Protein backbone atom coordinates (compact mmCIF):
# COMPACT_ATOMS: atom_id res chain seq x y z
CA MET A 1 0.00 -0.15 -0.17
CA PRO A 2 1.31 3.33 -0.80
CA GLY A 3 2.87 5.15 2.28
CA ASP A 4 3.18 1.90 3.93
CA ASP A 5 6.78 1.72 5.58
CA THR A 6 6.77 -1.68 6.63
CA ALA A 7 10.32 -3.24 5.53
CA PRO A 8 9.96 -5.90 3.11
CA VAL A 9 10.24 -9.29 4.48
CA GLU A 10 13.59 -11.21 3.61
CA VAL A 11 13.44 -14.66 2.07
CA GLU A 12 15.82 -16.99 3.97
CA ARG A 13 18.28 -18.49 1.99
CA ARG A 14 18.57 -22.18 2.63
CA ARG A 15 22.39 -23.28 2.87
CA TYR A 16 23.52 -26.58 1.60
CA PRO A 17 26.82 -28.27 2.60
CA ARG A 18 29.39 -28.20 -0.19
CA SER A 19 30.16 -31.54 -1.48
CA ALA A 20 33.90 -32.31 -0.97
CA GLN A 21 35.84 -32.03 -4.26
CA PRO A 22 37.44 -35.22 -5.24
CA SER A 23 41.25 -35.45 -4.58
CA ASN A 24 43.63 -36.36 -7.43
CA GLU A 25 46.53 -36.57 -4.84
CA GLU A 26 47.80 -39.92 -3.80
CA PRO A 27 48.28 -40.43 -0.23
CA PRO A 28 51.92 -40.20 0.99
CA ALA A 29 53.93 -43.35 0.82
CA PRO A 30 55.00 -44.95 4.38
CA PRO A 31 58.61 -44.10 5.70
CA ALA A 32 60.87 -46.84 4.54
CA LEU A 33 63.64 -46.45 7.07
CA GLU A 34 64.25 -47.53 10.27
CA PRO A 35 67.41 -46.92 12.24
CA LEU A 36 69.84 -49.28 13.90
CA LEU A 37 70.40 -47.85 17.13
CA PHE A 38 73.31 -48.40 19.61
CA SER A 39 74.34 -46.37 22.76
CA THR A 40 76.13 -46.73 26.02
CA ARG A 41 73.84 -44.69 28.22
CA GLY A 42 72.11 -47.71 29.45
CA LEU A 43 75.35 -49.38 30.98
CA GLU A 44 77.27 -48.73 34.14
CA PRO A 45 80.06 -45.91 33.51
CA ALA A 46 82.75 -48.81 34.15
CA GLY A 47 81.28 -50.79 31.06
CA GLN A 48 80.85 -47.85 28.81
CA PHE A 49 84.14 -47.80 26.90
CA ALA A 50 84.46 -51.49 26.40
CA ALA A 51 80.95 -51.59 25.00
CA TRP A 52 81.63 -48.75 22.46
CA GLN A 53 85.10 -50.62 21.29
CA ALA A 54 83.14 -53.94 20.75
CA TYR A 55 80.55 -52.15 18.58
CA VAL A 56 83.27 -50.19 16.45
CA ALA A 57 85.54 -52.95 16.07
CA PRO A 58 84.62 -53.83 12.44
CA LEU A 59 86.07 -50.41 11.48
CA ILE A 60 88.55 -49.18 13.98
CA ASP A 61 90.23 -49.99 17.21
CA ILE A 62 90.02 -47.17 19.61
CA ARG A 63 91.76 -46.00 22.79
CA ARG A 64 90.71 -43.50 25.39
CA PRO A 65 93.02 -40.30 25.94
CA ASP A 66 95.86 -41.04 28.55
CA SER A 67 94.21 -38.91 31.31
CA PRO A 68 91.07 -39.98 32.01
CA SER A 69 90.64 -43.27 34.23
CA GLN A 70 89.61 -46.41 32.29
CA GLU A 71 86.70 -46.65 34.73
CA ALA A 72 85.18 -43.28 33.89
CA GLU A 73 82.07 -43.07 31.92
CA PHE A 74 82.05 -43.00 28.04
CA VAL A 75 78.68 -42.00 26.76
CA ALA A 76 78.41 -42.65 23.12
CA ASP A 77 75.58 -42.68 20.39
CA HIS A 78 75.34 -44.26 17.04
CA ALA A 79 72.22 -44.29 14.63
CA ALA A 80 72.71 -45.90 11.27
CA TRP A 81 70.30 -45.58 8.23
CA ASN A 82 70.67 -47.76 5.37
CA LEU A 83 69.37 -45.85 2.37
CA GLY A 84 70.48 -49.13 0.16
CA GLY A 85 73.10 -47.27 -1.97
CA MET A 86 74.55 -45.54 0.89
CA LEU A 87 74.69 -45.47 4.83
CA VAL A 88 73.99 -42.45 6.90
CA VAL A 89 75.18 -42.56 10.62
CA GLN A 90 74.74 -39.99 13.29
CA GLN A 91 77.21 -40.38 15.95
CA SER A 92 78.44 -38.62 19.08
CA THR A 93 81.48 -39.65 21.42
CA PRO A 94 83.64 -38.30 23.99
CA ALA A 95 87.33 -37.92 23.21
CA HIS A 96 89.29 -40.82 21.89
CA SER A 97 92.00 -41.95 19.42
CA TYR A 98 91.37 -44.32 16.47
CA VAL A 99 93.26 -46.59 14.24
CA ARG A 100 92.39 -48.50 11.19
CA SER A 101 95.29 -50.96 10.91
CA GLU A 102 96.50 -52.59 7.72
CA ALA A 103 95.48 -55.85 9.17
CA LYS A 104 92.10 -54.62 9.84
CA VAL A 105 91.84 -53.40 6.10
CA ARG A 106 92.82 -56.72 4.76
CA SER A 107 90.57 -58.70 7.00
CA ASN A 108 87.02 -57.37 6.63
CA LEU A 109 86.66 -56.52 3.09
CA ILE A 110 85.26 -52.96 3.60
CA ASP A 111 86.79 -50.44 1.31
CA HIS A 112 84.10 -47.66 1.05
CA TRP A 113 84.34 -43.98 1.03
CA HIS A 114 83.94 -42.47 4.22
CA ILE A 115 82.52 -38.93 4.24
CA SER A 116 82.15 -37.12 7.63
CA VAL A 117 80.84 -33.55 8.63
CA LEU A 118 81.43 -32.48 12.11
CA ARG A 119 78.79 -30.70 13.84
CA ASN A 120 81.17 -29.78 16.73
CA GLY A 121 84.66 -30.81 17.90
CA ARG A 122 87.67 -31.63 15.79
CA THR A 123 89.75 -34.24 14.48
CA TRP A 124 93.22 -35.00 13.09
CA THR A 125 93.61 -37.92 10.83
CA GLU A 126 96.79 -39.22 9.43
CA VAL A 127 97.39 -41.44 6.15
CA ASP A 128 100.81 -42.03 4.96
CA GLY A 129 102.27 -38.88 6.72
CA HIS A 130 99.39 -36.39 5.55
CA VAL A 131 97.16 -35.25 8.32
CA SER A 132 93.80 -33.74 7.52
CA GLU A 133 92.23 -31.64 10.01
CA GLY A 134 88.35 -31.98 10.38
CA GLU A 135 86.20 -29.19 11.75
CA PRO A 136 82.75 -27.72 11.46
CA GLY A 137 82.15 -26.18 7.86
CA LYS A 138 84.41 -28.80 6.10
CA VAL A 139 83.59 -32.15 4.60
CA GLU A 140 86.06 -34.93 4.82
CA LEU A 141 86.66 -37.64 2.43
CA ARG A 142 88.55 -40.78 3.44
CA SER A 143 89.06 -44.33 1.93
CA LEU A 144 88.38 -47.30 4.33
CA GLY A 145 90.29 -49.35 1.95
CA HIS A 146 93.78 -48.04 3.12
CA PRO A 147 95.17 -47.80 6.94
CA PHE A 148 94.58 -44.42 8.84
CA ARG A 149 95.05 -43.29 12.59
CA GLY A 150 93.75 -40.14 14.49
CA ARG A 151 92.43 -38.44 17.34
CA SER A 152 89.13 -36.72 17.99
CA THR A 153 87.95 -34.27 20.54
CA GLU A 154 84.37 -34.82 22.09
CA ALA A 155 82.38 -34.52 18.66
CA ARG A 156 78.96 -35.03 17.20
CA VAL A 157 79.36 -36.17 13.42
CA LEU A 158 77.07 -36.96 10.49
CA SER A 159 79.00 -39.56 8.22
CA LEU A 160 78.05 -41.13 5.04
CA TYR A 161 79.59 -44.54 3.70
CA LEU A 162 79.22 -44.40 -0.21
CA PRO A 163 80.48 -47.76 -2.02
CA ARG A 164 83.55 -47.34 -3.90
CA GLU A 165 81.53 -47.84 -7.22
CA LEU A 166 79.21 -44.93 -6.48
CA LEU A 167 81.97 -42.58 -7.47
CA PHE A 168 83.48 -44.00 -10.18
CA ASP A 169 82.47 -41.51 -12.87
CA VAL A 170 84.87 -38.83 -11.71
CA PRO A 171 86.87 -37.08 -14.47
CA ALA A 172 90.55 -38.08 -14.50
CA SER A 173 91.72 -34.68 -13.85
CA SER A 174 89.78 -34.35 -10.60
CA GLU A 175 89.84 -37.98 -8.92
CA ILE A 176 89.23 -38.27 -5.51
CA LYS A 177 92.19 -38.10 -3.16
CA ASN A 178 92.26 -40.11 -0.09
CA ASN A 179 92.18 -38.16 3.38
CA VAL A 180 91.20 -34.63 2.22
CA ALA A 181 89.04 -32.02 3.87
CA LEU A 182 86.88 -30.30 1.41
CA SER A 183 85.78 -26.25 1.92
CA GLY A 184 84.31 -23.50 -0.22
CA THR A 185 81.06 -22.47 -1.64
CA TYR A 186 79.93 -26.02 -3.05
CA THR A 187 80.80 -27.75 0.31
CA LYS A 188 78.82 -25.44 2.20
CA LEU A 189 75.76 -26.04 -0.21
CA LEU A 190 76.58 -29.93 0.32
CA ILE A 191 76.43 -29.57 4.25
CA GLU A 192 72.98 -27.45 3.92
CA TYR A 193 71.79 -30.37 1.55
CA LEU A 194 72.76 -32.99 4.05
CA ASP A 195 71.32 -31.15 6.96
CA GLY A 196 68.24 -31.51 5.11
CA VAL A 197 68.58 -35.32 4.54
CA GLU A 198 69.29 -35.70 8.20
CA ALA A 199 66.08 -33.94 9.28
CA ASN A 200 63.91 -36.13 7.06
CA LEU A 201 65.58 -39.80 7.39
CA SER A 202 62.51 -40.79 9.16
CA ARG A 203 60.12 -39.56 6.84
CA LEU A 204 61.64 -40.87 3.40
CA ALA A 205 59.76 -43.40 1.23
CA ALA A 206 61.38 -46.18 -0.71
CA VAL A 207 60.80 -44.19 -3.78
CA ASP A 208 62.78 -41.40 -2.44
CA LEU A 209 65.96 -43.12 -1.59
CA PRO A 210 67.83 -43.72 -4.92
CA TYR A 211 67.26 -39.97 -5.68
CA VAL A 212 68.74 -39.14 -2.29
CA VAL A 213 71.69 -41.28 -3.08
CA GLN A 214 72.10 -40.09 -6.64
CA THR A 215 71.86 -36.34 -5.50
CA THR A 216 74.20 -36.77 -2.59
CA ARG A 217 76.82 -38.54 -5.17
CA ASP A 218 76.65 -35.60 -7.51
CA MET A 219 77.06 -33.08 -5.14
CA VAL A 220 79.95 -34.74 -3.40
CA LEU A 221 81.55 -35.26 -6.99
CA THR A 222 80.98 -31.39 -7.71
CA CYS A 223 82.77 -30.48 -4.33
CA VAL A 224 85.69 -32.73 -5.23
CA SER A 225 86.06 -30.91 -8.84
CA ALA A 226 85.78 -27.58 -7.31
CA SER A 227 88.34 -28.20 -4.33
CA ALA A 228 91.65 -26.77 -4.64
CA SER A 229 92.51 -29.76 -2.01
CA ASN A 230 92.54 -32.45 -4.83
CA ILE A 231 94.66 -30.45 -7.61
CA ALA A 232 98.05 -31.58 -6.26
CA VAL A 233 98.75 -35.24 -5.70
CA PRO A 234 101.59 -35.84 -3.12
CA GLU A 235 104.32 -38.27 -4.59
CA GLN A 236 104.24 -40.18 -1.47
CA HIS A 237 100.51 -41.33 -2.56
CA SER A 238 101.64 -42.87 -6.00
CA THR A 239 100.97 -46.23 -4.61
CA LEU A 240 97.86 -45.41 -3.00
CA ALA A 241 96.82 -43.84 -6.47
CA LEU A 242 97.69 -46.95 -8.26
CA MET A 243 95.57 -49.09 -5.87
CA GLU A 244 92.75 -46.99 -6.18
CA ARG A 245 92.89 -47.17 -10.00
CA VAL A 246 93.15 -51.02 -9.90
CA ARG A 247 90.34 -51.16 -7.36
CA ARG A 248 88.09 -49.09 -9.78
CA PHE A 249 88.93 -51.32 -12.62
CA VAL A 250 88.15 -54.28 -10.83
CA GLN A 251 84.80 -53.22 -9.59
CA ARG A 252 83.77 -52.03 -12.88
CA ASN A 253 84.74 -55.40 -14.75
CA LEU A 254 83.87 -57.72 -11.74
CA LYS A 255 81.65 -59.71 -13.76
CA SER A 256 83.89 -60.15 -16.67
CA PRO A 257 85.09 -63.69 -17.19
CA ASP A 258 88.38 -62.38 -18.47
CA LEU A 259 89.31 -60.27 -15.35
CA THR A 260 92.84 -61.36 -15.34
CA THR A 261 96.08 -59.92 -14.07
CA ASP A 262 97.42 -59.72 -17.57
CA ARG A 263 94.42 -57.59 -18.77
CA ILE A 264 94.70 -55.43 -15.86
CA CYS A 265 98.39 -54.93 -16.30
CA ARG A 266 97.72 -54.30 -20.22
CA GLU A 267 94.74 -51.70 -19.91
CA LEU A 268 96.23 -49.88 -16.89
CA GLY A 269 99.86 -49.80 -18.33
CA VAL A 270 101.42 -51.39 -15.11
CA SER A 271 103.84 -54.18 -14.86
CA ARG A 272 103.13 -57.44 -13.41
CA THR A 273 105.85 -56.99 -10.69
CA ARG A 274 104.42 -53.43 -9.65
CA LEU A 275 100.85 -54.93 -9.47
CA TYR A 276 101.88 -57.92 -7.36
CA GLN A 277 103.79 -55.41 -4.99
CA VAL A 278 100.84 -53.21 -4.46
CA PHE A 279 98.49 -56.05 -3.85
CA GLU A 280 100.75 -58.51 -1.84
CA PRO A 281 99.17 -57.26 1.56
CA ASP A 282 95.77 -58.47 0.12
CA GLY A 283 97.09 -61.75 -0.70
CA GLY A 284 97.73 -60.97 -4.44
CA VAL A 285 95.61 -59.70 -7.15
CA HIS A 286 93.68 -62.78 -8.00
CA HIS A 287 92.69 -63.13 -4.18
CA TYR A 288 91.62 -59.70 -4.08
CA ILE A 289 89.33 -60.25 -7.40
CA GLN A 290 87.82 -63.30 -5.79
CA ARG A 291 87.07 -61.86 -2.43
CA ARG A 292 85.48 -59.05 -4.14
CA ARG A 293 83.21 -61.27 -6.36
CA LEU A 294 82.23 -63.31 -3.02
CA LEU A 295 81.17 -59.78 -1.42
CA SER A 296 79.03 -59.09 -4.37
CA ALA A 297 77.62 -62.58 -4.42
CA HIS A 298 76.86 -61.99 -0.48
CA ALA A 299 75.06 -58.84 -1.21
CA ALA A 300 73.08 -60.44 -3.86
CA LEU A 301 72.09 -63.44 -1.58
CA SER A 302 71.27 -61.00 1.19
CA ASP A 303 68.81 -58.84 -0.89
CA VAL A 304 65.36 -60.09 -0.25
CA SER A 305 64.05 -58.87 -3.47
CA ASN A 306 66.76 -60.96 -5.62
CA ARG A 307 65.06 -64.40 -6.20
CA GLN A 308 67.62 -65.49 -8.42
CA GLN A 309 69.14 -69.07 -8.12
CA ILE A 310 72.08 -69.33 -6.23
CA VAL A 311 74.20 -71.00 -9.21
CA ASP A 312 73.05 -68.02 -11.23
CA ILE A 313 74.18 -65.47 -8.99
CA ALA A 314 77.74 -67.41 -8.70
CA PHE A 315 78.10 -67.33 -12.51
CA ALA A 316 76.66 -63.68 -12.61
CA VAL A 317 79.73 -62.32 -10.36
CA GLY A 318 82.21 -64.16 -12.35
CA PHE A 319 82.64 -67.73 -11.09
CA SER A 320 82.73 -70.51 -13.52
CA SER A 321 82.19 -73.36 -11.17
CA ALA A 322 79.17 -73.64 -8.90
CA ALA A 323 81.16 -76.27 -6.51
CA HIS A 324 84.13 -73.70 -6.47
CA PHE A 325 81.84 -70.73 -5.66
CA SER A 326 80.23 -72.65 -2.69
CA ARG A 327 83.52 -73.54 -1.29
CA ALA A 328 85.21 -70.42 -1.69
CA PHE A 329 82.16 -68.69 -0.12
CA SER A 330 82.11 -70.95 2.77
CA LYS A 331 85.80 -70.50 3.51
CA GLU A 332 85.59 -66.74 3.24
CA PHE A 333 82.29 -66.29 5.46
CA GLY A 334 82.05 -69.30 7.69
CA TYR A 335 78.63 -70.45 6.27
CA SER A 336 76.98 -71.56 3.10
CA PRO A 337 75.72 -69.50 0.41
CA ARG A 338 72.29 -70.84 1.20
CA GLU A 339 72.41 -70.01 4.94
CA ALA A 340 73.38 -66.43 3.76
CA ARG A 341 69.96 -66.43 1.74
CA ASN A 342 67.96 -67.66 4.88
CA VAL A 343 69.21 -64.86 7.01
CA ALA A 344 68.47 -62.30 4.84
CA VAL A 345 66.77 -59.12 6.31
CA PRO A 346 64.80 -56.35 4.74
CA LEU A 347 67.24 -54.00 3.23
CA TYR A 348 66.20 -50.71 4.88
CA LEU A 349 65.26 -52.12 8.24
CA GLY A 350 67.31 -51.47 11.10
CA HIS A 351 66.75 -52.91 14.65
CA ALA A 352 66.88 -50.93 17.82
CA VAL A 353 68.94 -52.96 20.04
CA ALA A 354 69.32 -52.67 24.00
CA PRO A 355 72.87 -51.70 25.30
CA MET A 356 73.87 -55.12 26.39
CA SER A 357 73.32 -56.46 22.93
CA GLU A 358 76.41 -54.80 21.57
CA VAL A 359 77.89 -57.82 20.02
CA GLU A 360 74.59 -58.79 18.15
CA SER A 361 74.54 -55.01 16.98
CA ALA A 362 77.98 -54.71 15.76
CA HIS A 363 77.43 -57.67 13.68
CA SER A 364 74.36 -55.96 11.98
CA PHE A 365 76.21 -52.76 11.09
CA ASP A 366 79.09 -54.66 9.97
CA LYS A 367 76.75 -56.66 7.45
CA TRP A 368 75.23 -53.33 6.48
CA LEU A 369 78.88 -52.08 5.63
CA LYS A 370 79.97 -55.24 3.94
CA THR A 371 76.94 -55.49 1.58
CA LEU A 372 76.62 -51.92 0.84
CA GLY A 373 76.04 -51.18 -2.56
CA HIS A 374 77.05 -54.57 -4.17
CA SER A 375 73.75 -55.80 -4.95
CA ARG A 376 72.56 -52.66 -6.86
């Protein structure tokens, strides 16, 4: 009606819940890694150092500094992560000295590259008279295939163990030298990248692991190529350089049936006498080649995803006789190829162990080191 100032009635709008939009995103993959843990914290102080000695014995022999009592506490922690082509280790220890003797190098078949990043503390490591000093901000590279000795202050360190063959594709002009400390812009970038890897170890999915290993490998090689530490080759390292060339050649051609001393001499331009001199501590070139083949076979047998017949694995790593392979394998490892397969464990899984199980734990970490990279 005209003049009616009654306000218009608002029509109530009915609100309907919005239907959820379908998502094309796949749920995140479950974490793949479980660490292998060891700590001396749960032990009586008088037994802590002996427990740590037993745990690291596959790699090094250690001693306390001269001043502390042998009964004093030695609180050490170790967490190892197996990425298949690389081991990542978080470790903290009090001050100590360490030795990887020639006898230990020959006895345990481990000759990976050890790459370490100190979070705090300092180290001094000597190889053939050359001392490398480790400190925060540097990345140290060292071959486990050569003896070394050194000492460490109380320190926390992130370590990588990379199989020798992972770093093969290095330009000849910048081959990795043993016992060096890298620094500079690219090294800083590598450390920042490793910080990120360490922070995400417990969240990595299986599909991520090969990419993490490959990226780490590429960044290490970039640091090696860019570092001035690797330009000069000390004269006293000529024997180590030749040994490194032979080991690289052997690993590249491990499955070749004509991997012989004559072929190594011919293709590397070294005399038979010189070659025998260099590998005399390893029992000779032929013995070294056989041990590498056995280690490769052991890794394949320990891989739960590898269902090849044992005889096929033997032939694949260069053995021409199944019987010879079985005898040599049993002599080297103390158990048969079939037993090695029966005790295989999932590749990426560690075991949280009690401090009193240091012997069992050491054997587990030792197995990870021995089989690292050889089945890939």
